[in-house]
N, C-alpha and C. Protein backbone atom coordinates (compact mmCIF):
# COMPACT_ATOMS: atom_id res chain seq x y z
N UNK A 1 67.29 -17.81 9.41
CA UNK A 1 66.41 -18.96 9.30
C UNK A 1 66.92 -20.04 10.27
N UNK A 2 66.01 -20.68 10.94
CA UNK A 2 66.39 -21.71 11.90
C UNK A 2 67.02 -22.90 11.17
N UNK A 3 68.03 -23.51 11.80
CA UNK A 3 68.67 -24.66 11.14
C UNK A 3 67.72 -25.83 10.90
N UNK A 4 66.75 -26.04 11.79
CA UNK A 4 65.81 -27.15 11.62
C UNK A 4 64.96 -26.96 10.36
N UNK A 5 64.51 -25.72 10.12
CA UNK A 5 63.71 -25.48 8.91
C UNK A 5 64.60 -25.55 7.68
N UNK A 6 65.80 -25.04 7.77
CA UNK A 6 66.73 -25.09 6.63
C UNK A 6 67.01 -26.54 6.25
N UNK A 7 67.14 -27.41 7.23
CA UNK A 7 67.38 -28.82 6.95
C UNK A 7 66.13 -29.51 6.41
N UNK A 8 64.94 -28.97 6.72
CA UNK A 8 63.68 -29.54 6.24
C UNK A 8 63.38 -29.14 4.80
N UNK A 9 64.00 -28.08 4.34
CA UNK A 9 63.72 -27.54 3.00
C UNK A 9 63.83 -28.57 1.88
N UNK A 10 64.84 -29.46 1.86
CA UNK A 10 64.89 -30.46 0.78
C UNK A 10 63.66 -31.38 0.74
N UNK A 11 63.09 -31.67 1.90
CA UNK A 11 61.88 -32.50 1.95
C UNK A 11 60.72 -31.75 1.29
N UNK A 12 60.62 -30.47 1.57
CA UNK A 12 59.56 -29.65 0.97
C UNK A 12 59.74 -29.55 -0.54
N UNK A 13 60.98 -29.40 -0.97
CA UNK A 13 61.26 -29.30 -2.42
C UNK A 13 60.90 -30.61 -3.12
N UNK A 14 61.24 -31.74 -2.50
CA UNK A 14 60.90 -33.05 -3.09
C UNK A 14 59.39 -33.20 -3.20
N UNK A 15 58.67 -32.78 -2.16
CA UNK A 15 57.20 -32.84 -2.20
C UNK A 15 56.65 -32.04 -3.37
N UNK A 16 57.12 -30.83 -3.55
CA UNK A 16 56.64 -29.97 -4.63
C UNK A 16 56.99 -30.56 -5.99
N UNK A 17 58.22 -31.05 -6.14
CA UNK A 17 58.64 -31.61 -7.43
C UNK A 17 57.84 -32.86 -7.80
N UNK A 18 57.63 -33.75 -6.83
CA UNK A 18 56.86 -34.96 -7.12
C UNK A 18 55.40 -34.61 -7.44
N UNK A 19 54.83 -33.66 -6.71
CA UNK A 19 53.45 -33.27 -7.03
C UNK A 19 53.36 -32.66 -8.43
N UNK A 20 54.33 -31.84 -8.79
CA UNK A 20 54.34 -31.26 -10.14
C UNK A 20 54.44 -32.36 -11.18
N UNK A 21 55.29 -33.33 -10.95
CA UNK A 21 55.42 -34.45 -11.89
C UNK A 21 54.12 -35.24 -11.98
N UNK A 22 53.49 -35.51 -10.84
CA UNK A 22 52.25 -36.29 -10.85
C UNK A 22 51.12 -35.52 -11.54
N UNK A 23 51.11 -34.22 -11.39
CA UNK A 23 50.07 -33.42 -12.04
C UNK A 23 50.31 -33.25 -13.53
N UNK A 24 51.56 -33.10 -13.93
CA UNK A 24 51.87 -32.82 -15.34
C UNK A 24 52.22 -34.08 -16.15
N UNK A 25 52.55 -35.18 -15.48
CA UNK A 25 53.02 -36.36 -16.18
C UNK A 25 51.99 -37.46 -16.32
N UNK A 26 50.76 -37.09 -16.60
CA UNK A 26 49.68 -38.08 -16.70
C UNK A 26 49.97 -39.14 -17.77
N UNK A 27 50.52 -38.75 -18.90
CA UNK A 27 50.78 -39.72 -19.97
C UNK A 27 51.86 -40.72 -19.55
N UNK A 28 52.89 -40.25 -18.84
CA UNK A 28 53.94 -41.16 -18.37
C UNK A 28 53.38 -42.10 -17.31
N UNK A 29 52.56 -41.55 -16.40
CA UNK A 29 51.97 -42.38 -15.36
C UNK A 29 51.03 -43.43 -15.95
N UNK A 30 50.29 -43.06 -16.99
CA UNK A 30 49.42 -44.03 -17.66
C UNK A 30 50.25 -45.14 -18.30
N UNK A 31 51.40 -44.77 -18.86
CA UNK A 31 52.29 -45.76 -19.47
C UNK A 31 52.81 -46.75 -18.42
N UNK A 32 53.03 -46.26 -17.20
CA UNK A 32 53.50 -47.10 -16.10
C UNK A 32 52.35 -47.77 -15.34
N UNK A 33 51.13 -47.53 -15.77
CA UNK A 33 49.92 -48.07 -15.12
C UNK A 33 49.82 -47.64 -13.66
N UNK A 34 50.12 -46.37 -13.41
CA UNK A 34 50.06 -45.82 -12.06
C UNK A 34 48.95 -44.77 -12.00
N UNK A 35 48.07 -44.89 -11.05
CA UNK A 35 46.95 -43.97 -10.87
C UNK A 35 47.46 -42.63 -10.34
N UNK A 36 47.19 -41.59 -11.08
CA UNK A 36 47.65 -40.25 -10.74
C UNK A 36 47.12 -39.78 -9.39
N UNK A 37 45.84 -40.00 -9.13
CA UNK A 37 45.23 -39.54 -7.88
C UNK A 37 45.79 -40.26 -6.66
N UNK A 38 46.04 -41.55 -6.79
CA UNK A 38 46.60 -42.31 -5.67
C UNK A 38 48.01 -41.81 -5.37
N UNK A 39 48.80 -41.53 -6.40
CA UNK A 39 50.15 -41.04 -6.18
C UNK A 39 50.17 -39.65 -5.55
N UNK A 40 49.26 -38.79 -5.98
CA UNK A 40 49.19 -37.44 -5.39
C UNK A 40 48.79 -37.53 -3.92
N UNK A 41 47.78 -38.32 -3.63
CA UNK A 41 47.34 -38.48 -2.24
C UNK A 41 48.42 -39.17 -1.40
N UNK A 42 49.05 -40.19 -1.97
CA UNK A 42 50.14 -40.87 -1.27
C UNK A 42 51.30 -39.94 -0.98
N UNK A 43 51.63 -39.08 -1.95
CA UNK A 43 52.70 -38.10 -1.74
C UNK A 43 52.35 -37.14 -0.61
N UNK A 44 51.11 -36.70 -0.58
CA UNK A 44 50.68 -35.78 0.48
C UNK A 44 50.75 -36.46 1.86
N UNK A 45 50.27 -37.68 1.94
CA UNK A 45 50.28 -38.39 3.22
C UNK A 45 51.71 -38.67 3.67
N UNK A 46 52.57 -39.07 2.73
CA UNK A 46 53.97 -39.31 3.09
C UNK A 46 54.66 -38.02 3.52
N UNK A 47 54.33 -36.91 2.88
CA UNK A 47 54.91 -35.63 3.28
C UNK A 47 54.48 -35.26 4.70
N UNK A 48 53.20 -35.45 4.99
CA UNK A 48 52.70 -35.15 6.34
C UNK A 48 53.35 -36.07 7.37
N UNK A 49 53.43 -37.36 7.06
CA UNK A 49 54.06 -38.31 7.98
C UNK A 49 55.53 -37.97 8.19
N UNK A 50 56.22 -37.59 7.13
CA UNK A 50 57.62 -37.22 7.24
C UNK A 50 57.78 -35.93 8.05
N UNK A 51 56.89 -34.98 7.84
CA UNK A 51 56.97 -33.72 8.59
C UNK A 51 56.75 -33.96 10.08
N UNK A 52 55.79 -34.81 10.41
CA UNK A 52 55.52 -35.10 11.83
C UNK A 52 56.70 -35.83 12.46
N UNK A 53 57.22 -36.84 11.80
CA UNK A 53 58.36 -37.57 12.36
C UNK A 53 59.60 -36.68 12.41
N UNK A 54 59.78 -35.83 11.42
CA UNK A 54 60.91 -34.89 11.42
C UNK A 54 60.81 -33.94 12.62
N UNK A 55 59.59 -33.49 12.91
CA UNK A 55 59.38 -32.62 14.07
C UNK A 55 59.83 -33.32 15.36
N UNK A 56 59.41 -34.58 15.51
CA UNK A 56 59.81 -35.33 16.71
C UNK A 56 61.32 -35.53 16.76
N UNK A 57 61.93 -35.85 15.62
CA UNK A 57 63.37 -36.06 15.60
C UNK A 57 64.12 -34.77 15.92
N UNK A 58 63.70 -33.67 15.28
CA UNK A 58 64.38 -32.39 15.51
C UNK A 58 64.21 -31.94 16.96
N UNK A 59 63.03 -32.18 17.51
CA UNK A 59 62.80 -31.81 18.91
C UNK A 59 63.65 -32.67 19.84
N UNK A 60 63.84 -33.93 19.49
CA UNK A 60 64.65 -34.81 20.34
C UNK A 60 66.10 -34.38 20.39
N UNK A 61 66.58 -33.74 19.33
CA UNK A 61 67.96 -33.28 19.31
C UNK A 61 68.22 -32.15 20.31
N UNK A 62 67.17 -31.46 20.73
CA UNK A 62 67.30 -30.36 21.66
C UNK A 62 67.28 -30.81 23.11
N UNK A 63 67.03 -32.08 23.36
CA UNK A 63 66.86 -32.57 24.72
C UNK A 63 68.15 -33.26 25.20
N UNK A 64 68.59 -32.93 26.40
CA UNK A 64 69.79 -33.54 26.98
C UNK A 64 69.52 -34.92 27.57
N UNK A 65 68.28 -35.19 27.91
CA UNK A 65 67.90 -36.45 28.55
C UNK A 65 67.89 -37.58 27.50
N UNK A 66 68.67 -38.61 27.75
CA UNK A 66 68.76 -39.72 26.80
C UNK A 66 67.44 -40.45 26.65
N UNK A 67 66.69 -40.59 27.76
CA UNK A 67 65.40 -41.28 27.70
C UNK A 67 64.40 -40.48 26.86
N UNK A 68 64.41 -39.19 27.01
CA UNK A 68 63.51 -38.35 26.22
C UNK A 68 63.90 -38.42 24.74
N UNK A 69 65.20 -38.47 24.47
CA UNK A 69 65.68 -38.57 23.09
C UNK A 69 65.14 -39.85 22.44
N UNK A 70 65.30 -40.98 23.13
CA UNK A 70 64.84 -42.26 22.60
C UNK A 70 63.32 -42.27 22.46
N UNK A 71 62.63 -41.70 23.43
CA UNK A 71 61.17 -41.65 23.40
C UNK A 71 60.68 -40.84 22.19
N UNK A 72 61.30 -39.73 21.91
CA UNK A 72 60.89 -38.90 20.77
C UNK A 72 61.20 -39.60 19.44
N UNK A 73 62.34 -40.25 19.35
CA UNK A 73 62.70 -40.97 18.13
C UNK A 73 61.69 -42.10 17.88
N UNK A 74 61.39 -42.86 18.92
CA UNK A 74 60.42 -43.96 18.79
C UNK A 74 59.03 -43.43 18.45
N UNK A 75 58.64 -42.32 19.04
CA UNK A 75 57.32 -41.73 18.74
C UNK A 75 57.24 -41.32 17.28
N UNK A 76 58.27 -40.69 16.76
CA UNK A 76 58.28 -40.27 15.36
C UNK A 76 58.20 -41.45 14.42
N UNK A 77 58.98 -42.49 14.69
CA UNK A 77 58.95 -43.69 13.85
C UNK A 77 57.59 -44.38 13.91
N UNK A 78 57.04 -44.47 15.11
CA UNK A 78 55.76 -45.15 15.29
C UNK A 78 54.62 -44.41 14.59
N UNK A 79 54.60 -43.09 14.71
CA UNK A 79 53.55 -42.30 14.06
C UNK A 79 53.65 -42.42 12.55
N UNK A 80 54.87 -42.33 12.02
CA UNK A 80 55.05 -42.45 10.57
C UNK A 80 54.61 -43.83 10.09
N UNK A 81 55.01 -44.86 10.80
CA UNK A 81 54.63 -46.22 10.43
C UNK A 81 53.12 -46.41 10.48
N UNK A 82 52.49 -45.99 11.57
CA UNK A 82 51.04 -46.15 11.69
C UNK A 82 50.27 -45.37 10.62
N UNK A 83 50.70 -44.16 10.36
CA UNK A 83 50.03 -43.35 9.35
C UNK A 83 50.13 -44.00 7.97
N UNK A 84 51.31 -44.47 7.61
CA UNK A 84 51.49 -45.11 6.31
C UNK A 84 50.75 -46.44 6.21
N UNK A 85 50.87 -47.27 7.24
CA UNK A 85 50.16 -48.55 7.22
C UNK A 85 48.64 -48.37 7.23
N UNK A 86 48.17 -47.44 8.03
CA UNK A 86 46.73 -47.16 8.08
C UNK A 86 46.19 -46.69 6.75
N UNK A 87 46.93 -45.80 6.11
CA UNK A 87 46.50 -45.29 4.81
C UNK A 87 46.50 -46.41 3.76
N UNK A 88 47.54 -47.23 3.75
CA UNK A 88 47.59 -48.34 2.80
C UNK A 88 46.44 -49.31 3.04
N UNK A 89 46.17 -49.62 4.29
CA UNK A 89 45.08 -50.54 4.63
C UNK A 89 43.73 -49.98 4.17
N UNK A 90 43.49 -48.69 4.43
CA UNK A 90 42.23 -48.06 4.01
C UNK A 90 42.10 -48.08 2.49
N UNK A 91 43.19 -47.76 1.79
CA UNK A 91 43.14 -47.77 0.32
C UNK A 91 42.83 -49.16 -0.20
N UNK A 92 43.50 -50.17 0.34
CA UNK A 92 43.28 -51.54 -0.13
C UNK A 92 41.86 -52.01 0.18
N UNK A 93 41.34 -51.62 1.34
CA UNK A 93 39.97 -52.01 1.71
C UNK A 93 38.95 -51.37 0.77
N UNK A 94 39.12 -50.09 0.46
CA UNK A 94 38.16 -49.41 -0.40
C UNK A 94 38.32 -49.78 -1.87
N UNK A 95 39.55 -50.00 -2.32
CA UNK A 95 39.78 -50.30 -3.73
C UNK A 95 39.43 -51.75 -4.06
N UNK A 96 39.54 -52.63 -3.09
CA UNK A 96 39.22 -54.04 -3.33
C UNK A 96 40.10 -54.64 -4.40
N UNK A 97 39.46 -55.18 -5.43
CA UNK A 97 40.21 -55.80 -6.52
C UNK A 97 40.76 -54.77 -7.50
N UNK A 98 40.39 -53.53 -7.33
CA UNK A 98 40.84 -52.46 -8.22
C UNK A 98 42.09 -51.75 -7.71
N UNK A 99 42.83 -52.38 -6.81
CA UNK A 99 44.05 -51.78 -6.28
C UNK A 99 45.02 -51.56 -7.43
N UNK A 100 45.55 -50.34 -7.51
CA UNK A 100 46.49 -50.00 -8.57
C UNK A 100 47.89 -50.32 -8.09
N UNK A 101 48.44 -51.42 -8.58
CA UNK A 101 49.74 -51.89 -8.14
C UNK A 101 50.85 -50.89 -8.48
N UNK A 102 50.75 -50.26 -9.64
CA UNK A 102 51.76 -49.26 -10.03
C UNK A 102 51.81 -48.10 -9.05
N UNK A 103 50.66 -47.65 -8.58
CA UNK A 103 50.62 -46.55 -7.62
C UNK A 103 51.12 -46.98 -6.25
N UNK A 104 50.81 -48.21 -5.85
CA UNK A 104 51.28 -48.71 -4.56
C UNK A 104 52.81 -48.82 -4.57
N UNK A 105 53.36 -49.35 -5.64
CA UNK A 105 54.82 -49.44 -5.76
C UNK A 105 55.43 -48.04 -5.82
N UNK A 106 54.76 -47.12 -6.53
CA UNK A 106 55.23 -45.73 -6.57
C UNK A 106 55.25 -45.10 -5.19
N UNK A 107 54.23 -45.37 -4.39
CA UNK A 107 54.19 -44.83 -3.02
C UNK A 107 55.28 -45.45 -2.15
N UNK A 108 55.57 -46.74 -2.38
CA UNK A 108 56.67 -47.37 -1.64
C UNK A 108 58.00 -46.71 -2.00
N UNK A 109 58.19 -46.41 -3.27
CA UNK A 109 59.41 -45.71 -3.69
C UNK A 109 59.47 -44.31 -3.09
N UNK A 110 58.33 -43.64 -3.06
CA UNK A 110 58.26 -42.32 -2.43
C UNK A 110 58.64 -42.40 -0.96
N UNK A 111 58.18 -43.44 -0.27
CA UNK A 111 58.50 -43.63 1.14
C UNK A 111 60.02 -43.72 1.32
N UNK A 112 60.66 -44.48 0.44
CA UNK A 112 62.12 -44.62 0.54
C UNK A 112 62.83 -43.30 0.27
N UNK A 113 62.34 -42.54 -0.73
CA UNK A 113 62.96 -41.25 -1.04
C UNK A 113 62.80 -40.30 0.14
N UNK A 114 61.60 -40.20 0.69
CA UNK A 114 61.37 -39.31 1.83
C UNK A 114 62.21 -39.73 3.04
N UNK A 115 62.30 -41.02 3.29
CA UNK A 115 63.08 -41.50 4.43
C UNK A 115 64.56 -41.18 4.24
N UNK A 116 65.08 -41.39 3.04
CA UNK A 116 66.49 -41.09 2.77
C UNK A 116 66.77 -39.60 2.97
N UNK A 117 65.92 -38.75 2.43
CA UNK A 117 66.13 -37.30 2.54
C UNK A 117 65.97 -36.85 3.99
N UNK A 118 65.00 -37.43 4.70
CA UNK A 118 64.79 -37.08 6.10
C UNK A 118 66.01 -37.46 6.94
N UNK A 119 66.54 -38.64 6.74
CA UNK A 119 67.71 -39.08 7.50
C UNK A 119 68.92 -38.21 7.16
N UNK A 120 69.09 -37.88 5.89
CA UNK A 120 70.20 -37.00 5.49
C UNK A 120 70.09 -35.64 6.15
N UNK A 121 68.88 -35.08 6.15
CA UNK A 121 68.67 -33.76 6.77
C UNK A 121 68.91 -33.82 8.27
N UNK A 122 68.47 -34.88 8.90
CA UNK A 122 68.65 -35.00 10.35
C UNK A 122 70.12 -35.24 10.71
N UNK A 123 70.85 -35.93 9.86
CA UNK A 123 72.28 -36.11 10.12
C UNK A 123 73.01 -34.77 10.06
N UNK A 124 72.65 -33.94 9.08
CA UNK A 124 73.25 -32.61 9.00
C UNK A 124 72.89 -31.79 10.23
N UNK A 125 71.64 -31.89 10.64
CA UNK A 125 71.17 -31.14 11.81
C UNK A 125 71.85 -31.63 13.08
N UNK A 126 72.05 -32.93 13.21
CA UNK A 126 72.68 -33.46 14.42
C UNK A 126 74.14 -33.09 14.51
N UNK A 127 74.81 -32.92 13.38
CA UNK A 127 76.22 -32.50 13.38
C UNK A 127 76.36 -31.09 13.94
N UNK A 128 75.37 -30.26 13.73
CA UNK A 128 75.40 -28.88 14.21
C UNK A 128 75.02 -28.77 15.70
N UNK A 129 74.35 -29.80 16.19
CA UNK A 129 73.81 -29.75 17.57
C UNK A 129 74.83 -30.31 18.55
N UNK A 130 75.05 -29.59 19.60
CA UNK A 130 76.03 -30.04 20.60
C UNK A 130 75.47 -31.13 21.50
N UNK A 131 74.14 -31.30 21.58
CA UNK A 131 73.52 -32.32 22.42
C UNK A 131 73.46 -33.69 21.77
N UNK A 132 73.57 -33.72 20.45
CA UNK A 132 73.39 -34.98 19.71
C UNK A 132 74.61 -35.87 19.82
């Protein structure tokens, strides 16, 4: 198995576990006033954004050119930021006064979890790479 995919596996596991919790924990989510559908969709979007940025980061580790490395890192960060901000803006525009604050805070926490796991995985991957 490639080291890049092996390092990505924890991100995939977190995605599956959070989705299972969001699907099975409706009563807990209702107690926290968090919309189940918003959290599931937010988890999916964050997973996609993390996967795209992880791809750019992992690809940058293979490049000897310092400018290409910085360009790939910046591209990954920018894409993740734009995707998350765009999604939040669209949700707020469509939901209007019905924005579910519990779900928005939940998605912010998910963002932090995904970012922490992504950085941890990339640090392990960079230790193995002779170019990093």
